[in-house]
Each structure stands twice: as C-alpha cells, then as structure tokens.
Amino acid sequence: MTSQFNKKSEAWSARFSEPVSDLVKRYTASVFFDNRMATVDIQGSLAHAEMLSAQKIISTEDYAAIQRGMAQIQSEIESGQFEWLLDLEDVHLNIEKRLTELVGDAGKRLHTGRSRNDQVATDIRLYMRNAIDQIADFLRALRSALIDLAEKNTDTILPGFTHMQVAQPITFGHHMLAYVEMFSRDTERMLDCRKRVNRLPLGAAALAGTTFPIDRERVARTLGFDEVCYNSLDAVSDRDFAIEFCAAAALIMTHISRMSEELIIWMSPRVGFIDIADRFCTGSSIMPQKKNPDVPELARGKTGRVNGHLIALLTLMKGQPLAYNKDNQEDKEPLFDTVDTLIDTLRIFADMAGGIQVKPEAMRAAALQGYATATDLADYLVKKGLPFRDAHEAVAHAVKTCVEKGCDLSDMSLEELQTYSPLIAGDIFQVLTLEGSVAARNHIGGTAPDQVRSAIVRARQKLTL
C-alpha cells in the first residue's frame, strides 16, 4: 500500500483513482487562514503523543522523536522558514508532513487514536481560550481607563439625555461608569463562555471514539482543560462554543459602538463636550480645518462586521446533521476576524479613553439648557405634600412660561414661581442649581458625586476579580 505521504500528498490518497483538481484544492483548502493555529496544534499534538507513550500505544523513543521534531517545526514557524503547502490543505497535515520528514515513522504514528475532526475541534478551543484571556485583559484595561476618567470628573456636570433631549443633570464621572458597568458584564460573559470553551474534544476521533486504550483525562490535565467532552458525536460536530463567543463579542462591540456614537456627538464643534487626542483622528483631503473622529466611526462600523460573523456561524450550524461536516471549515474565518477586530478595538479604545480631554464649561452650559432641573422642582413640591401628578402639572405650566419668555426656571423670581404653587418657598433656588440637583440623588446607583466616588472604589475592586 502507498504510504500516507509518498507520491501523493493527501492523507486519503490511496482511496482515490485521480487527483483532486487545482480548483478544488483552492476551494477546499484552509491552510492560509488556519495556520494561525499552528502553535496550539503542536501543543495539542504533544499532549496527545505524551498520552500515547504513557499508555504504551507508541514507544518512548517515538515520543522523544516527536518532541524533537515538533520543537524544530515550532522554530521554523516562528522564524518564518516553514513552508505552507496548498496541496496539504490545512495546518494539521502541513505540520504532520513536516514531522514525518524530520523523524520518519514516529511522525506517522502521532495520528494514532485521533482524527482531524477531534484535532481541529481541540485546536479551535485552545486558540479561543487564549483569545478570551487576552480579551478579558483588554476589557480590564479599558475599564481601568474609564474609571480613571470618571475619577477626574466626579463633580463635572453635564446634561443627561433621554430621546436625545435634555433630561436631568448628571456628572460626567457617573456617565463614564455606565460604560464601566457594561464592560464589566462583558468581561463576566467572556469568562463564563471560557468555561464551555475549556472542554477537551480530543479522543472523540472521527465521531465514535477509538479502539485504542487512550486516557482522555490525562490529555485534559496536560492541556489545562477543565473536563472532557462526554459525547463523541457532540465533541466533533458542534460549534456552539464559538457561536457563544461571537455573541459575547457582538455585545462588546455594541457597547463600543454606543460609546463611539456619544464620543462622535460630543466631539462635534456644535456640542464641544470633549476632544479626542490627535493620534486617533484624521483630517480631510479637501477641508484643512477638519479633525475627524475616525477611530470611533470605524469601531461603530466594525460592529456590523462582528454582528455579521455571529449570524454567519448561526446559519452555518443550523442545518447540519451529526456528526462532522465540511461546512465547519467555514467557522474559522468569521471566528478569527471577530477575535482580531475585538482585540484591536479594545486595545485602541483603552488608549483613546485615557486621552479624552473633557470640556466642563461646555457641558455645564448645555446642562443649563432644556430645563434639566424641572424634575427637581416637582420632587420639591411632592416633599412639601403635593401629589406627584399635581406637582408634575404645575411644573409643566412653569416650563411652558419659561419657553415663552426664553428663560430658565432658576431665572424666575420667587413670586413668579409661587403662582404655580404656594408651597414654593425661598429654599427652592438651591434645589434648582445643577449642583443641588446632582447632590440630591445620593443613593447607590445615583449620580451624586459622593455616590460616584463610592462606585469608583467598587469598580476598581472588581478589576482584580
């Protein structure tokens, strides 16, 4: 029988009477995008070989030869000397072919007791586990930068909005901590997803397990997996862990996109709440005065790209019968691009957040528009004994008068205010100040500066968890 890598390169060549066409080779090959998994493929293969040796399925001499060969292959890959061949289709066969060239029959014995189906499923999980750890670190860095920004602006007042209309005064520190909360949940989701990623498929073989006396738990311990996948069919065929990751990634990018939208609005000269450091912006090819917030705009756009990858993976899996199908080769490019996009975005945003220049005067001026303290006047009347709906109605009439006169509630005299309710007294003007408004919301989750400072302490503590 022709050996696996003699004359023909395909691992299944002896079964076929004609070679695969060049077009089909290009269409079915994945080596030029899945070669990024080379290091984890070697890692998984070494753990598999160690187990085969311990179980006396291969000799200790073969295991030592595999170790030597893999060390050289890793060195060749790192130095850029490794030759990736399209004829060998994927990262797994390329490495196995080179190993066989280096150590002979020992390299051919490495694949004993496994299939590419469980091999690739293991590689993806190892790759994703590393990616999740990086993403969690970058999320912490972004949260830390936003916490620092919040701490510098615990007393900085800006208008809070609903429906993009001025609603109530808040502090900029409180606003930044809202994103810290979002990214904290994103971190929790990623780390929770990691638990389901960190299960070992190796040993499931093609779909039914293997006849060799393998020790799957040993391999799991060697590779740092929490446990094995307990059904061989499920182990090789499902990609729900990748879909879950992409869903968590899409949520992160959604939060990034929301923050980007605000940064873009705030940086507009018509608003002027902040400025973004020059290194995150570009100019115009025709208008010399322009400073465009390209990074937030691109992040907003890339969110659609990541959302699309989630839909692609869901669609990929929805019609597949058990067990493995070639469709699953299409999981890698969307997954890899999601990882790359997310990591790059988080790295840039952590840096960009640290360089945001806040403009308190513009924020304060905007908070004085739109009758932001109207709710405070209503609350004041309720505390004086007026039912809330009646207080709401009285303040609405007062605001209507202010709109007609072009003034703020705080600009009205005490006598004018009392025409809307005799319960209003001289202490009302402290209530109608921006500082009084934010300070009055002094409870957990509120925008009062004291509460913001307490929230910052809690947020910093969560960074270490």
Protein backbone atom coordinates (compact mmCIF):
# COMPACT_ATOMS: atom_id res chain seq x y z
CA MET A 1 0.00 0.00 0.00
CA THR A 2 1.22 3.50 -0.78
CA SER A 3 2.18 5.27 2.44
CA GLN A 4 0.36 8.38 3.53
CA PHE A 5 2.80 10.95 2.19
CA ASN A 6 4.52 9.08 -0.65
CA LYS A 7 3.95 10.42 -4.16
CA LYS A 8 0.56 11.92 -3.33
CA SER A 9 0.19 14.45 -0.57
CA GLU A 10 -3.41 13.89 0.51
CA ALA A 11 -3.97 11.88 3.68
CA TRP A 12 -6.58 9.80 1.88
CA SER A 13 -4.80 9.42 -1.49
CA ALA A 14 -4.85 5.61 -1.62
CA ARG A 15 -8.65 5.59 -1.81
CA PHE A 16 -8.89 7.66 -4.99
CA SER A 17 -8.06 6.93 -8.63
CA GLU A 18 -7.50 10.53 -9.72
CA PRO A 19 -6.01 13.58 -8.07
CA VAL A 20 -8.01 16.50 -6.78
CA SER A 21 -8.20 19.34 -9.30
CA ASP A 22 -6.31 22.55 -8.61
CA LEU A 23 -9.56 24.48 -8.39
CA VAL A 24 -10.96 22.08 -5.79
CA LYS A 25 -7.70 22.27 -3.86
CA ARG A 26 -8.01 26.03 -3.62
CA TYR A 27 -11.71 25.83 -2.84
CA THR A 28 -11.36 23.31 -0.03
CA ALA A 29 -8.02 24.39 1.44
CA SER A 30 -7.83 26.28 4.72
CA VAL A 31 -4.09 26.33 5.35
CA PHE A 32 -3.63 30.01 4.57
CA PHE A 33 -6.02 31.09 7.30
CA ASP A 34 -5.93 28.22 9.80
CA ASN A 35 -2.13 28.25 10.03
CA ARG A 36 -2.55 30.77 12.85
CA MET A 37 -3.45 27.72 14.95
CA ALA A 38 -0.03 26.13 14.36
CA THR A 39 1.25 26.67 17.90
CA VAL A 40 -1.86 25.24 19.55
CA ASP A 41 -1.87 22.38 17.04
CA ILE A 42 1.66 21.48 18.13
CA GLN A 43 0.65 21.90 21.77
CA GLY A 44 -2.28 19.51 21.34
CA SER A 45 -0.21 17.00 19.37
CA LEU A 46 2.49 16.91 22.04
CA ALA A 47 -0.09 16.26 24.75
CA HIS A 48 -1.61 13.51 22.61
CA ALA A 49 1.81 11.95 21.99
CA GLU A 50 2.67 12.08 25.70
CA MET A 51 -0.55 10.20 26.47
CA LEU A 52 0.09 7.62 23.72
CA SER A 53 3.52 6.98 25.21
CA ALA A 54 2.20 6.74 28.76
CA GLN A 55 -0.45 4.27 27.58
CA LYS A 56 2.25 2.28 25.70
CA ILE A 57 0.45 2.84 22.41
CA ILE A 58 3.67 4.30 20.97
CA SER A 59 7.20 3.79 22.24
CA THR A 60 9.13 6.23 24.39
CA GLU A 61 11.59 6.53 21.52
CA ASP A 62 8.81 7.60 19.15
CA TYR A 63 7.57 10.13 21.70
CA ALA A 64 11.07 11.59 22.09
CA ALA A 65 11.43 11.83 18.31
CA ILE A 66 8.05 13.59 18.04
CA GLN A 67 9.15 16.08 20.70
CA ARG A 68 12.38 16.82 18.82
CA GLY A 69 10.59 17.18 15.52
CA MET A 70 7.90 19.44 16.91
CA ALA A 71 10.49 21.68 18.55
CA GLN A 72 12.17 22.17 15.17
CA ILE A 73 8.85 22.80 13.43
CA GLN A 74 7.92 25.41 16.04
CA SER A 75 11.27 27.10 15.49
CA GLU A 76 10.77 27.08 11.72
CA ILE A 77 7.30 28.60 12.07
CA GLU A 78 8.49 31.33 14.42
CA SER A 79 11.40 32.23 12.14
CA GLY A 80 9.19 32.26 9.03
CA GLN A 81 11.08 29.39 7.41
CA PHE A 82 8.22 26.89 7.48
CA GLU A 83 6.76 26.24 4.03
CA TRP A 84 2.97 26.08 3.99
CA LEU A 85 1.74 23.94 1.10
CA LEU A 86 -1.65 24.30 -0.50
CA ASP A 87 -1.57 20.64 -1.55
CA LEU A 88 -1.62 19.67 2.14
CA GLU A 89 -4.89 21.55 2.64
CA ASP A 90 -4.67 22.64 6.28
CA VAL A 91 -2.39 23.42 9.19
CA HIS A 92 -2.68 19.89 10.61
CA LEU A 93 -1.49 18.00 7.52
CA ASN A 94 1.26 20.53 6.84
CA ILE A 95 2.72 20.01 10.30
CA GLU A 96 2.29 16.24 10.18
CA LYS A 97 4.01 16.06 6.78
CA ARG A 98 6.97 18.09 8.00
CA LEU A 99 7.17 15.99 11.18
CA THR A 100 7.32 12.82 9.11
CA GLU A 101 10.11 14.32 7.01
CA LEU A 102 12.07 15.07 10.17
CA VAL A 103 11.52 11.93 12.28
CA GLY A 104 10.19 9.30 9.89
CA ASP A 105 7.77 6.63 11.09
CA ALA A 106 7.43 8.22 14.54
CA GLY A 107 5.69 11.14 12.85
CA LYS A 108 3.29 8.77 11.11
CA ARG A 109 2.36 7.19 14.45
CA LEU A 110 1.36 10.52 16.01
CA HIS A 111 -2.12 10.38 14.49
CA THR A 112 -2.89 7.06 16.20
CA GLY A 113 -6.18 7.25 18.13
CA ARG A 114 -7.32 10.59 16.78
CA SER A 115 -8.92 12.18 13.72
CA ARG A 116 -8.60 15.59 12.20
CA ASN A 117 -12.19 16.08 13.38
CA ASP A 118 -11.33 15.98 17.09
CA GLN A 119 -7.91 17.52 16.39
CA VAL A 120 -9.32 20.67 14.81
CA ALA A 121 -12.05 20.95 17.47
CA THR A 122 -9.31 20.86 20.11
CA ASP A 123 -7.16 23.41 18.29
CA ILE A 124 -10.06 25.84 17.99
CA ARG A 125 -10.79 25.57 21.69
CA LEU A 126 -7.15 26.11 22.62
CA TYR A 127 -6.98 29.11 20.29
CA MET A 128 -10.21 30.57 21.65
CA ARG A 129 -9.15 30.06 25.25
CA ASN A 130 -6.03 32.12 24.62
CA ALA A 131 -8.07 34.76 22.78
CA ILE A 132 -10.62 35.04 25.59
CA ASP A 133 -7.83 35.55 28.13
CA GLN A 134 -6.42 38.39 26.01
CA ILE A 135 -9.85 39.95 25.52
CA ALA A 136 -10.56 39.83 29.26
CA ASP A 137 -7.24 41.62 29.89
CA PHE A 138 -8.02 44.34 27.33
CA LEU A 139 -11.51 44.77 28.77
CA ARG A 140 -9.95 45.34 32.18
CA ALA A 141 -7.57 47.89 30.68
CA LEU A 142 -10.48 49.74 29.07
CA ARG A 143 -12.49 49.67 32.30
CA SER A 144 -9.48 50.96 34.22
CA ALA A 145 -9.04 53.86 31.78
CA LEU A 146 -12.72 54.78 32.06
CA ILE A 147 -12.58 54.59 35.85
CA ASP A 148 -9.61 56.97 35.82
CA LEU A 149 -11.56 59.33 33.58
CA ALA A 150 -14.58 59.10 35.90
CA GLU A 151 -12.43 59.82 38.94
CA LYS A 152 -11.16 63.04 37.38
CA ASN A 153 -14.73 64.13 36.70
CA THR A 154 -16.77 63.11 39.73
CA ASP A 155 -18.05 66.69 40.06
CA THR A 156 -18.15 67.62 36.37
CA ILE A 157 -21.76 68.30 35.40
CA LEU A 158 -23.27 67.59 32.00
CA PRO A 159 -26.82 67.08 30.80
CA GLY A 160 -28.22 63.58 30.86
CA PHE A 161 -30.44 62.77 27.91
CA THR A 162 -33.44 60.67 27.05
CA HIS A 163 -34.69 60.66 23.46
CA MET A 164 -31.65 62.87 22.78
CA GLN A 165 -33.43 65.63 24.71
CA VAL A 166 -32.01 67.25 27.84
CA ALA A 167 -33.46 65.32 30.78
CA GLN A 168 -31.65 65.83 34.10
CA PRO A 169 -28.20 66.95 35.23
CA ILE A 170 -25.71 64.16 35.86
CA THR A 171 -21.98 64.02 36.41
CA PHE A 172 -19.57 63.02 33.68
CA GLY A 173 -18.00 60.55 36.10
CA HIS A 174 -21.38 58.87 36.52
CA HIS A 175 -21.78 58.69 32.75
CA MET A 176 -18.39 57.02 32.28
CA LEU A 177 -19.18 54.50 35.00
CA ALA A 178 -22.24 53.41 33.00
CA TYR A 179 -19.86 52.09 30.36
CA VAL A 180 -17.69 50.52 33.05
CA GLU A 181 -20.77 48.56 34.14
CA MET A 182 -21.41 47.43 30.56
CA PHE A 183 -17.84 46.31 30.02
CA SER A 184 -17.84 44.59 33.42
CA ARG A 185 -20.78 42.45 32.30
CA ASP A 186 -18.96 41.83 29.03
CA THR A 187 -15.97 40.54 30.98
CA GLU A 188 -18.22 38.26 33.01
CA ARG A 189 -19.80 36.90 29.82
CA MET A 190 -16.42 36.21 28.24
CA LEU A 191 -15.10 34.42 31.31
CA ASP A 192 -18.30 32.42 31.59
CA CYS A 193 -18.03 31.49 27.91
CA ARG A 194 -14.48 30.30 28.61
CA LYS A 195 -15.85 27.59 30.90
CA ARG A 196 -17.68 25.97 27.99
CA VAL A 197 -14.77 26.51 25.62
CA ASN A 198 -12.41 24.78 28.05
CA ARG A 199 -13.61 21.23 27.45
CA LEU A 200 -11.49 18.69 25.58
CA PRO A 201 -12.83 17.07 22.38
CA LEU A 202 -9.63 15.08 21.68
CA GLY A 203 -10.29 11.36 21.91
CA ALA A 204 -13.63 11.57 20.17
CA ALA A 205 -11.71 10.68 16.98
CA ALA A 206 -13.80 10.94 13.81
CA LEU A 207 -17.16 10.63 15.58
CA ALA A 208 -17.36 7.43 17.65
CA GLY A 209 -14.21 7.33 19.74
CA THR A 210 -11.27 4.99 19.18
CA THR A 211 -10.39 1.35 19.80
CA PHE A 212 -7.06 2.32 21.39
CA PRO A 213 -6.78 2.45 25.22
CA ILE A 214 -6.44 6.23 25.40
CA ASP A 215 -6.57 8.34 28.57
CA ARG A 216 -8.56 11.47 27.72
CA GLU A 217 -8.46 12.85 31.24
CA ARG A 218 -4.67 12.77 31.14
CA VAL A 219 -4.63 14.87 27.97
CA ALA A 220 -7.16 17.26 29.50
CA ARG A 221 -4.93 17.80 32.53
CA THR A 222 -1.84 18.28 30.36
CA LEU A 223 -3.56 20.92 28.24
CA GLY A 224 -5.29 22.65 31.16
CA PHE A 225 -8.86 21.75 30.17
CA ASP A 226 -11.42 21.66 32.96
CA GLU A 227 -13.01 18.45 31.68
CA VAL A 228 -13.55 16.35 28.55
CA CYS A 229 -16.47 16.48 26.14
CA TYR A 230 -18.54 13.49 27.18
CA ASN A 231 -20.19 12.60 23.88
CA SER A 232 -18.00 11.85 20.87
CA LEU A 233 -20.60 12.93 18.31
CA ASP A 234 -21.18 16.26 20.02
CA ALA A 235 -17.46 16.78 20.63
CA VAL A 236 -16.52 16.88 16.94
CA SER A 237 -19.65 18.38 15.38
CA ASP A 238 -20.92 21.32 17.40
CA ARG A 239 -19.56 24.83 17.37
CA ASP A 240 -21.94 26.35 19.90
CA PHE A 241 -18.97 27.47 21.99
CA ALA A 242 -17.74 29.53 19.03
CA ILE A 243 -21.23 30.94 18.47
CA GLU A 244 -21.48 31.86 22.15
CA PHE A 245 -18.13 33.62 21.91
CA CYS A 246 -19.25 35.57 18.85
CA ALA A 247 -22.47 36.54 20.64
CA ALA A 248 -20.46 37.86 23.60
CA ALA A 249 -18.14 39.64 21.17
CA ALA A 250 -21.11 41.23 19.39
CA LEU A 251 -22.37 42.59 22.71
CA ILE A 252 -18.96 44.07 23.49
CA MET A 253 -18.87 45.74 20.09
CA THR A 254 -22.42 47.00 20.61
CA HIS A 255 -21.30 48.72 23.80
CA ILE A 256 -18.23 50.05 22.00
CA SER A 257 -20.48 51.35 19.23
CA ARG A 258 -22.80 53.14 21.67
CA MET A 259 -19.84 54.81 23.32
CA SER A 260 -18.43 55.68 19.88
CA GLU A 261 -21.68 57.37 18.92
CA GLU A 262 -21.52 59.57 22.01
CA LEU A 263 -17.86 60.41 21.50
CA ILE A 264 -18.60 61.44 17.92
CA ILE A 265 -21.52 63.65 19.00
CA TRP A 266 -19.63 65.13 21.95
CA MET A 267 -16.60 65.96 19.78
CA SER A 268 -18.69 67.84 17.21
CA PRO A 269 -17.99 71.59 17.39
CA ARG A 270 -21.76 72.10 17.74
CA VAL A 271 -21.57 70.26 21.06
CA GLY A 272 -17.92 70.52 22.09
CA PHE A 273 -18.05 68.44 25.28
CA ILE A 274 -14.75 66.64 24.66
CA ASP A 275 -11.74 66.43 22.42
CA ILE A 276 -10.02 63.22 21.31
CA ALA A 277 -6.25 63.06 21.01
CA ASP A 278 -4.94 63.76 17.52
CA ARG A 279 -3.45 60.29 17.09
CA PHE A 280 -6.96 58.81 16.95
CA CYS A 281 -8.23 61.26 14.34
CA THR A 282 -7.58 62.22 10.74
CA GLY A 283 -8.00 65.30 8.60
CA SER A 284 -9.75 65.93 5.32
CA SER A 285 -8.23 65.72 1.87
CA ILE A 286 -10.02 68.94 0.89
CA MET A 287 -11.07 70.78 4.07
CA PRO A 288 -7.99 71.83 6.08
CA GLN A 289 -9.92 72.67 9.25
CA LYS A 290 -11.34 69.18 9.79
CA LYS A 291 -10.49 66.83 12.64
CA ASN A 292 -12.47 63.64 12.11
CA PRO A 293 -13.04 61.06 14.87
CA ASP A 294 -12.10 58.16 12.62
CA VAL A 295 -11.45 55.58 15.35
CA PRO A 296 -14.93 55.82 16.93
CA GLU A 297 -16.52 55.92 13.49
CA LEU A 298 -14.66 52.81 12.34
CA ALA A 299 -15.48 50.99 15.56
CA ARG A 300 -19.13 51.83 15.01
CA GLY A 301 -18.82 50.38 11.51
CA LYS A 302 -16.88 47.28 12.57
CA THR A 303 -19.70 46.42 14.97
CA GLY A 304 -21.79 45.46 11.96
CA ARG A 305 -18.96 43.24 10.76
CA VAL A 306 -18.83 41.35 14.08
CA ASN A 307 -22.62 41.07 14.21
CA GLY A 308 -22.47 39.58 10.72
CA HIS A 309 -19.99 36.93 11.82
CA LEU A 310 -22.38 35.84 14.57
CA ILE A 311 -25.19 35.41 12.04
CA ALA A 312 -22.81 33.56 9.71
CA LEU A 313 -21.95 30.98 12.37
CA LEU A 314 -25.57 30.53 13.43
CA THR A 315 -26.51 29.97 9.80
CA LEU A 316 -23.55 27.62 9.31
CA MET A 317 -24.74 25.31 12.07
CA LYS A 318 -28.49 25.42 11.67
CA GLY A 319 -28.89 22.63 9.08
CA GLN A 320 -26.05 20.25 9.88
CA PRO A 321 -26.80 16.63 10.76
CA LEU A 322 -24.49 14.83 13.17
CA ALA A 323 -21.58 14.43 13.12
CA TYR A 324 -18.78 16.41 11.46
CA ASN A 325 -19.40 18.08 8.10
CA LYS A 326 -17.04 20.02 5.87
CA ASP A 327 -19.28 23.07 6.41
CA ASN A 328 -17.48 23.53 9.71
CA GLN A 329 -14.33 24.63 7.93
CA GLU A 330 -16.24 27.87 7.39
CA ASP A 331 -16.28 28.59 11.13
CA LYS A 332 -12.69 29.78 11.24
CA GLU A 333 -12.54 32.93 9.14
CA PRO A 334 -15.50 34.63 10.87
CA LEU A 335 -14.20 33.49 14.24
CA PHE A 336 -10.65 34.67 13.58
CA ASP A 337 -11.82 38.01 12.21
CA THR A 338 -14.04 38.51 15.25
CA VAL A 339 -11.08 37.89 17.55
CA ASP A 340 -8.81 40.24 15.57
CA THR A 341 -11.42 43.01 15.33
CA LEU A 342 -12.32 42.81 19.01
CA ILE A 343 -8.76 42.74 20.33
CA ASP A 344 -7.63 45.62 18.11
CA THR A 345 -10.69 47.69 19.03
CA LEU A 346 -10.31 47.16 22.76
CA ARG A 347 -6.58 47.96 22.68
CA ILE A 348 -7.18 51.20 20.81
CA PHE A 349 -10.14 52.25 22.95
CA ALA A 350 -8.25 51.68 26.20
CA ASP A 351 -5.56 54.02 24.92
CA MET A 352 -8.02 56.53 23.47
CA ALA A 353 -10.12 56.73 26.66
CA GLY A 354 -7.05 57.74 28.62
CA GLY A 355 -6.51 60.72 26.32
CA ILE A 356 -10.02 62.17 26.25
CA GLN A 357 -9.96 65.88 27.08
CA VAL A 358 -13.11 66.95 28.92
CA LYS A 359 -14.52 70.47 28.49
CA PRO A 360 -16.51 71.16 31.69
CA GLU A 361 -17.65 74.66 30.70
CA ALA A 362 -19.39 73.42 27.56
CA MET A 363 -21.01 70.58 29.48
CA ARG A 364 -22.26 72.93 32.17
CA ALA A 365 -23.64 75.40 29.65
CA ALA A 366 -25.54 72.62 27.93
CA ALA A 367 -26.93 71.38 31.26
CA LEU A 368 -28.39 74.84 31.84
CA GLN A 369 -30.47 74.43 28.70
CA GLY A 370 -33.58 72.32 28.37
CA TYR A 371 -34.93 72.85 31.91
CA ALA A 372 -32.89 69.99 33.34
CA THR A 373 -33.95 70.76 36.92
CA ALA A 374 -37.70 70.56 36.24
CA THR A 375 -37.95 67.15 37.91
CA ASP A 376 -36.20 68.59 40.96
CA LEU A 377 -38.90 71.26 41.25
CA ALA A 378 -41.59 68.58 41.01
CA ASP A 379 -39.84 66.46 43.66
CA TYR A 380 -39.59 69.56 45.86
CA LEU A 381 -43.36 70.06 45.69
CA VAL A 382 -44.02 66.40 46.46
CA LYS A 383 -41.85 66.68 49.55
CA LYS A 384 -43.99 69.67 50.55
CA GLY A 385 -47.08 67.44 50.38
CA LEU A 386 -48.38 67.91 46.83
CA PRO A 387 -49.32 64.67 44.97
CA PHE A 388 -46.76 63.90 42.26
CA ARG A 389 -49.19 64.20 39.35
CA ASP A 390 -50.29 67.62 40.57
CA ALA A 391 -46.66 68.64 41.03
CA HIS A 392 -45.88 67.41 37.53
CA GLU A 393 -48.69 69.52 36.10
CA ALA A 394 -47.65 72.66 37.98
CA VAL A 395 -44.04 72.39 36.83
CA ALA A 396 -45.14 71.76 33.23
CA HIS A 397 -47.01 75.09 33.29
CA ALA A 398 -43.94 76.80 34.72
CA VAL A 399 -41.72 75.35 31.99
CA LYS A 400 -44.21 76.46 29.34
CA THR A 401 -43.94 80.02 30.63
CA CYS A 402 -40.13 79.80 30.61
CA VAL A 403 -40.17 78.63 27.00
CA GLU A 404 -42.35 81.61 26.03
CA LYS A 405 -40.14 84.05 27.93
CA GLY A 406 -36.83 82.43 26.92
CA CYS A 407 -35.58 81.95 30.47
CA ASP A 408 -34.72 79.10 32.84
CA LEU A 409 -36.69 78.04 35.90
CA SER A 410 -33.92 79.39 38.11
CA ASP A 411 -34.28 82.79 36.39
CA MET A 412 -37.86 83.23 37.62
CA SER A 413 -38.48 85.21 40.78
CA LEU A 414 -39.89 83.59 43.89
CA GLU A 415 -43.16 85.42 43.35
CA GLU A 416 -43.42 84.11 39.79
CA LEU A 417 -42.74 80.55 40.89
CA GLN A 418 -45.31 80.79 43.66
CA THR A 419 -48.03 81.48 41.07
CA TYR A 420 -47.70 77.81 40.13
CA SER A 421 -47.80 76.58 43.73
CA PRO A 422 -47.98 78.44 47.05
CA LEU A 423 -45.86 75.63 48.53
CA ILE A 424 -42.76 77.05 46.87
CA ALA A 425 -40.51 78.94 49.32
CA GLY A 426 -37.13 80.66 49.27
CA ASP A 427 -35.22 77.41 49.59
CA ILE A 428 -36.25 76.48 46.04
CA PHE A 429 -33.27 78.18 44.41
CA GLN A 430 -30.80 75.75 45.97
CA VAL A 431 -32.91 72.93 44.56
CA LEU A 432 -32.81 74.46 41.09
CA THR A 433 -29.00 74.63 40.90
CA LEU A 434 -27.16 71.99 38.90
CA GLU A 435 -25.01 71.10 41.91
CA GLY A 436 -28.05 70.77 44.12
CA SER A 437 -29.76 68.56 41.57
CA VAL A 438 -26.95 66.02 41.26
CA ALA A 439 -26.13 66.06 45.00
CA ALA A 440 -29.75 65.25 45.85
CA ARG A 441 -29.51 61.87 44.07
CA ASN A 442 -27.42 60.47 46.86
CA HIS A 443 -28.17 56.75 46.86
CA ILE A 444 -26.49 53.64 45.43
CA GLY A 445 -26.51 53.98 41.66
CA GLY A 446 -27.25 57.70 41.79
CA THR A 447 -25.29 60.50 40.13
CA ALA A 448 -24.34 62.37 43.33
CA PRO A 449 -20.56 62.94 43.45
CA ASP A 450 -20.29 61.05 46.76
CA GLN A 451 -22.01 58.06 45.17
CA VAL A 452 -19.78 58.29 42.11
CA ARG A 453 -16.72 58.17 44.34
CA SER A 454 -18.09 55.10 46.12
CA ALA A 455 -18.88 53.48 42.76
CA ILE A 456 -15.32 54.10 41.61
CA VAL A 457 -13.99 52.21 44.64
CA ARG A 458 -16.30 49.27 43.85
CA ALA A 459 -15.33 49.33 40.19
CA ARG A 460 -11.62 49.25 40.99
CA GLN A 461 -12.16 46.29 43.30
CA LYS A 462 -13.93 44.39 40.51
CA LEU A 463 -10.92 44.88 38.24
CA THR A 464 -8.99 42.38 40.35
CA LEU A 465 -11.67 39.69 40.28
